[in-house]
Amino acid sequence: MDKKEILAKNKQKTKKALDEREQRVYSASFGLGAVVVGILCLIFSVYNALHREMFYEFVSIITAYLCTTFLYQYKNLKKPSYLIAGIVTGLSAIVCAVMFFMV
């Protein structure tokens, strides 16, 4: 194989794959989306609390998201603080979900 064939084959192979910049934008978009979801859950929770209504479902959504994020970070970075945060937020998500269905 000559150089041109190898480059053409590699270009065709990576055509569908995201390059490094696209991967960063893709990851950042999920982070930004999570912030928006968190803010909306907070707004709805405060609104419901002020009107003496249930707000457990919103807290459950955001803590489940945080739990997943922390546990993924722990899996890849092996920092114990992420494991502790993941367990705490996971338990919070479960408690809030149970409270939602019980009330």
Protein backbone atom coordinates (compact mmCIF):
# COMPACT_ATOMS: atom_id res chain seq x y z
CA MET A 1 0.00 0.00 0.00
CA ASP A 2 1.26 3.40 -0.80
CA LYS A 3 0.86 6.51 1.34
CA LYS A 4 -2.17 7.84 -0.59
CA GLU A 5 -4.10 4.59 -0.20
CA ILE A 6 -3.43 4.46 3.53
CA LEU A 7 -4.53 8.08 3.99
CA ALA A 8 -7.66 7.55 1.89
CA LYS A 9 -8.56 4.41 3.83
CA ASN A 10 -8.00 6.15 7.18
CA LYS A 11 -10.02 9.16 6.07
CA GLN A 12 -12.91 6.93 5.05
CA LYS A 13 -12.72 5.02 8.34
CA THR A 14 -12.79 8.18 10.49
CA LYS A 15 -15.39 9.97 8.40
CA LYS A 16 -18.20 8.79 10.69
CA ALA A 17 -16.21 9.22 13.92
CA LEU A 18 -16.19 12.53 15.78
CA ASP A 19 -12.93 14.43 15.83
CA GLU A 20 -11.53 15.79 19.12
CA ARG A 21 -13.26 19.18 18.77
CA GLU A 22 -16.62 17.58 17.97
CA GLN A 23 -16.24 15.28 20.99
CA ARG A 24 -15.60 18.26 23.29
CA VAL A 25 -18.62 20.13 21.90
CA TYR A 26 -20.74 17.00 22.25
CA SER A 27 -19.67 16.51 25.88
CA ALA A 28 -20.12 20.18 26.73
CA SER A 29 -23.62 20.18 25.27
CA PHE A 30 -24.66 17.40 27.65
CA GLY A 31 -23.17 19.34 30.56
CA LEU A 32 -25.03 22.49 29.55
CA GLY A 33 -28.26 20.53 29.14
CA ALA A 34 -27.82 19.08 32.62
CA VAL A 35 -27.40 22.56 34.09
CA VAL A 36 -30.64 23.68 32.44
CA VAL A 37 -32.48 20.61 33.76
CA GLY A 38 -31.08 21.26 37.23
CA ILE A 39 -32.18 24.89 37.19
CA LEU A 40 -35.68 23.98 36.00
CA CYS A 41 -36.00 21.29 38.67
CA LEU A 42 -34.91 23.81 41.30
CA ILE A 43 -37.39 26.43 40.07
CA PHE A 44 -40.27 23.95 39.99
CA SER A 45 -39.32 22.57 43.41
CA VAL A 46 -39.23 26.02 45.01
CA TYR A 47 -42.51 26.99 43.34
CA ASN A 48 -44.23 23.82 44.57
CA ALA A 49 -42.78 24.18 48.06
CA LEU A 50 -44.00 27.77 48.31
CA HIS A 51 -47.47 26.64 47.27
CA ARG A 52 -47.34 23.77 49.78
CA GLU A 53 -47.35 21.15 47.07
CA MET A 54 -45.22 18.06 46.62
CA PHE A 55 -41.83 18.55 44.95
CA TYR A 56 -40.15 15.19 45.50
CA GLU A 57 -40.20 14.23 41.83
CA PHE A 58 -37.99 17.15 40.84
CA VAL A 59 -35.48 16.49 43.59
CA SER A 60 -35.43 12.82 42.63
CA ILE A 61 -34.67 13.67 38.99
CA ILE A 62 -31.76 15.98 39.77
CA THR A 63 -30.23 13.75 42.47
CA ALA A 64 -30.45 10.71 40.18
CA TYR A 65 -28.60 12.68 37.51
CA LEU A 66 -25.96 13.78 40.02
CA CYS A 67 -25.60 10.22 41.32
CA THR A 68 -24.93 8.93 37.81
CA THR A 69 -22.41 11.69 37.15
CA PHE A 70 -20.52 11.15 40.40
CA LEU A 71 -20.39 7.37 40.02
CA TYR A 72 -19.12 7.70 36.44
CA GLN A 73 -16.43 10.11 37.63
CA TYR A 74 -15.48 7.70 40.41
CA LYS A 75 -15.27 4.80 37.95
CA ASN A 76 -12.85 6.71 35.75
CA LEU A 77 -10.92 8.86 38.26
CA LYS A 78 -10.99 6.62 41.36
CA LYS A 79 -11.40 9.53 43.80
CA PRO A 80 -13.24 8.41 46.95
CA SER A 81 -15.06 11.75 47.25
CA TYR A 82 -16.92 10.95 44.01
CA LEU A 83 -17.99 7.58 45.40
CA ILE A 84 -19.28 9.17 48.61
CA ALA A 85 -21.13 11.88 46.67
CA GLY A 86 -22.59 9.22 44.34
CA ILE A 87 -23.87 7.13 47.23
CA VAL A 88 -25.36 10.14 49.05
CA THR A 89 -27.10 11.50 45.96
CA GLY A 90 -28.26 8.00 44.99
CA LEU A 91 -29.84 7.47 48.38
CA SER A 92 -31.45 10.92 48.13
CA ALA A 93 -32.91 10.02 44.75
CA ILE A 94 -34.35 6.78 46.12
CA VAL A 95 -35.80 8.45 49.23
CA CYS A 96 -37.41 11.23 47.18
CA ALA A 97 -38.86 8.74 44.69
CA VAL A 98 -40.33 6.66 47.53
CA MET A 99 -41.74 9.80 49.16
CA PHE A 100 -43.30 10.83 45.85
CA PHE A 101 -45.16 7.54 45.53
CA MET A 102 -46.16 7.39 49.20
CA VAL A 103 -47.66 10.87 49.47
